[in-house]
C-alpha atoms as a PDB file:
ATOM      1  CA  MET A   1     -15.235   8.436 -12.578  1.00  0.00           C
ATOM      2  CA  ASP A   2     -18.693   6.968 -12.538  1.00  0.00           C
ATOM      3  CA  ASN A   3     -20.020   3.883 -10.795  1.00  0.00           C
ATOM      4  CA  LYS A   4     -19.570   1.812 -13.977  1.00  0.00           C
ATOM      5  CA  SER A   5     -15.801   2.201 -14.038  1.00  0.00           C
ATOM      6  CA  PHE A   6     -15.242  -1.149 -12.301  1.00  0.00           C
ATOM      7  CA  GLY A   7     -18.400  -2.809 -13.591  1.00  0.00           C
ATOM      8  CA  ASP A   8     -16.430  -5.210 -15.728  1.00  0.00           C
ATOM      9  CA  LYS A   9     -15.288  -8.165 -13.589  1.00  0.00           C
ATOM     10  CA  ARG A  10     -11.997  -8.448 -15.491  1.00  0.00           C
ATOM     11  CA  ILE A  11     -11.104  -4.834 -14.762  1.00  0.00           C
ATOM     12  CA  ALA A  12     -12.064  -5.111 -11.084  1.00  0.00           C
ATOM     13  CA  LYS A  13     -10.062  -8.322 -10.704  1.00  0.00           C
ATOM     14  CA  GLY A  14      -6.992  -6.816 -12.354  1.00  0.00           C
ATOM     15  CA  TYR A  15      -7.194  -3.719 -10.181  1.00  0.00           C
ATOM     16  CA  ALA A  16      -7.384  -5.793  -6.982  1.00  0.00           C
ATOM     17  CA  GLU A  17      -4.817  -8.447  -7.877  1.00  0.00           C
ATOM     18  CA  ASP A  18      -2.269  -7.000 -10.256  1.00  0.00           C
ATOM     19  CA  ARG A  19      -1.023  -3.953  -8.405  1.00  0.00           C
ATOM     20  CA  PRO A  20       2.692  -3.903  -7.509  1.00  0.00           C
ATOM     21  CA  TRP A  21       3.765  -4.659  -3.927  1.00  0.00           C
ATOM     22  CA  LEU A  22       5.958  -1.621  -3.271  1.00  0.00           C
ATOM     23  CA  HIS A  23       5.034  -0.994   0.359  1.00  0.00           C
ATOM     24  CA  LYS A  24       8.227  -2.293   1.915  1.00  0.00           C
ATOM     25  CA  GLN A  25      10.432  -0.405  -0.570  1.00  0.00           C
ATOM     26  CA  VAL A  26       8.528   2.816   0.130  1.00  0.00           C
ATOM     27  CA  ALA A  27       8.833   2.346   3.886  1.00  0.00           C
ATOM     28  CA  LEU A  28      12.565   1.716   3.605  1.00  0.00           C
ATOM     29  CA  ARG A  29      12.988   4.825   1.440  1.00  0.00           C
ATOM     30  CA  ILE A  30      11.121   6.962   3.965  1.00  0.00           C
ATOM     31  CA  LYS A  31      13.275   5.652   6.798  1.00  0.00           C
ATOM     32  CA  SER A  32      16.430   6.264   4.787  1.00  0.00           C
ATOM     33  CA  ASP A  33      15.413   9.788   3.723  1.00  0.00           C
ATOM     34  CA  CYS A  34      14.484  10.675   7.341  1.00  0.00           C
ATOM     35  CA  SER A  35      17.630   9.080   8.830  1.00  0.00           C
ATOM     36  CA  LEU A  36      15.534   6.579  10.804  1.00  0.00           C
ATOM     37  CA  ASN A  37      16.746   3.185  11.979  1.00  0.00           C
ATOM     38  CA  ILE A  38      15.833   0.677   9.237  1.00  0.00           C
ATOM     39  CA  GLU A  39      15.177  -2.056  11.849  1.00  0.00           C
ATOM     40  CA  THR A  40      12.758  -0.001  13.966  1.00  0.00           C
ATOM     41  CA  PRO A  41       9.118  -0.500  12.899  1.00  0.00           C
ATOM     42  CA  PHE A  42       6.811   2.426  12.469  1.00  0.00           C
ATOM     43  CA  ILE A  43       4.495   2.993  15.430  1.00  0.00           C
ATOM     44  CA  ASN A  44       1.681   4.489  13.347  1.00  0.00           C
ATOM     45  CA  GLY A  45       0.692   4.359   9.738  1.00  0.00           C
ATOM     46  CA  LEU A  46      -1.873   5.897   7.452  1.00  0.00           C
ATOM     47  CA  ASP A  47      -3.007   4.632   4.059  1.00  0.00           C
ATOM     48  CA  VAL A  48      -4.056   7.752   2.113  1.00  0.00           C
ATOM     49  CA  GLY A  49      -4.054   6.211  -1.375  1.00  0.00           C
ATOM     50  CA  CYS A  50      -7.028   4.990  -3.207  1.00  0.00           C
ATOM     51  CA  GLY A  51      -6.646   1.400  -4.104  1.00  0.00           C
ATOM     52  CA  ALA A  52      -7.431  -2.146  -3.104  1.00  0.00           C
ATOM     53  CA  GLY A  53      -6.382  -1.655   0.545  1.00  0.00           C
ATOM     54  CA  ARG A  54      -3.105  -3.516   0.305  1.00  0.00           C
ATOM     55  CA  ALA A  55      -1.149  -0.775   2.064  1.00  0.00           C
ATOM     56  CA  SER A  56      -3.636  -0.994   4.940  1.00  0.00           C
ATOM     57  CA  CYS A  57      -3.016  -4.746   5.157  1.00  0.00           C
ATOM     58  CA  HIS A  58       0.729  -4.198   5.432  1.00  0.00           C
ATOM     59  CA  ILE A  59       0.278  -1.518   8.057  1.00  0.00           C
ATOM     60  CA  CYS A  60      -2.016  -3.729  10.117  1.00  0.00           C
ATOM     61  CA  MET A  61       0.300  -6.746   9.861  1.00  0.00           C
ATOM     62  CA  ASN A  62       3.279  -4.520  10.810  1.00  0.00           C
ATOM     63  CA  LEU A  63       5.319  -5.795   7.894  1.00  0.00           C
ATOM     64  CA  ILE A  64       6.854  -2.469   6.993  1.00  0.00           C
END
């Protein structure tokens, strides 16, 4: 990918705003698969994806 990949404002806007909000579902699946209490929040989190930073926002706000 080159630096021009998000040069178009429409593409950049779509990438930042139109991504699905799956963070809570993923967290619940991890807790279920690992036999963890669904009500207990995670103590630590790490966003290793490349995206618009939405997972980091959820981790920081402790919503998952």
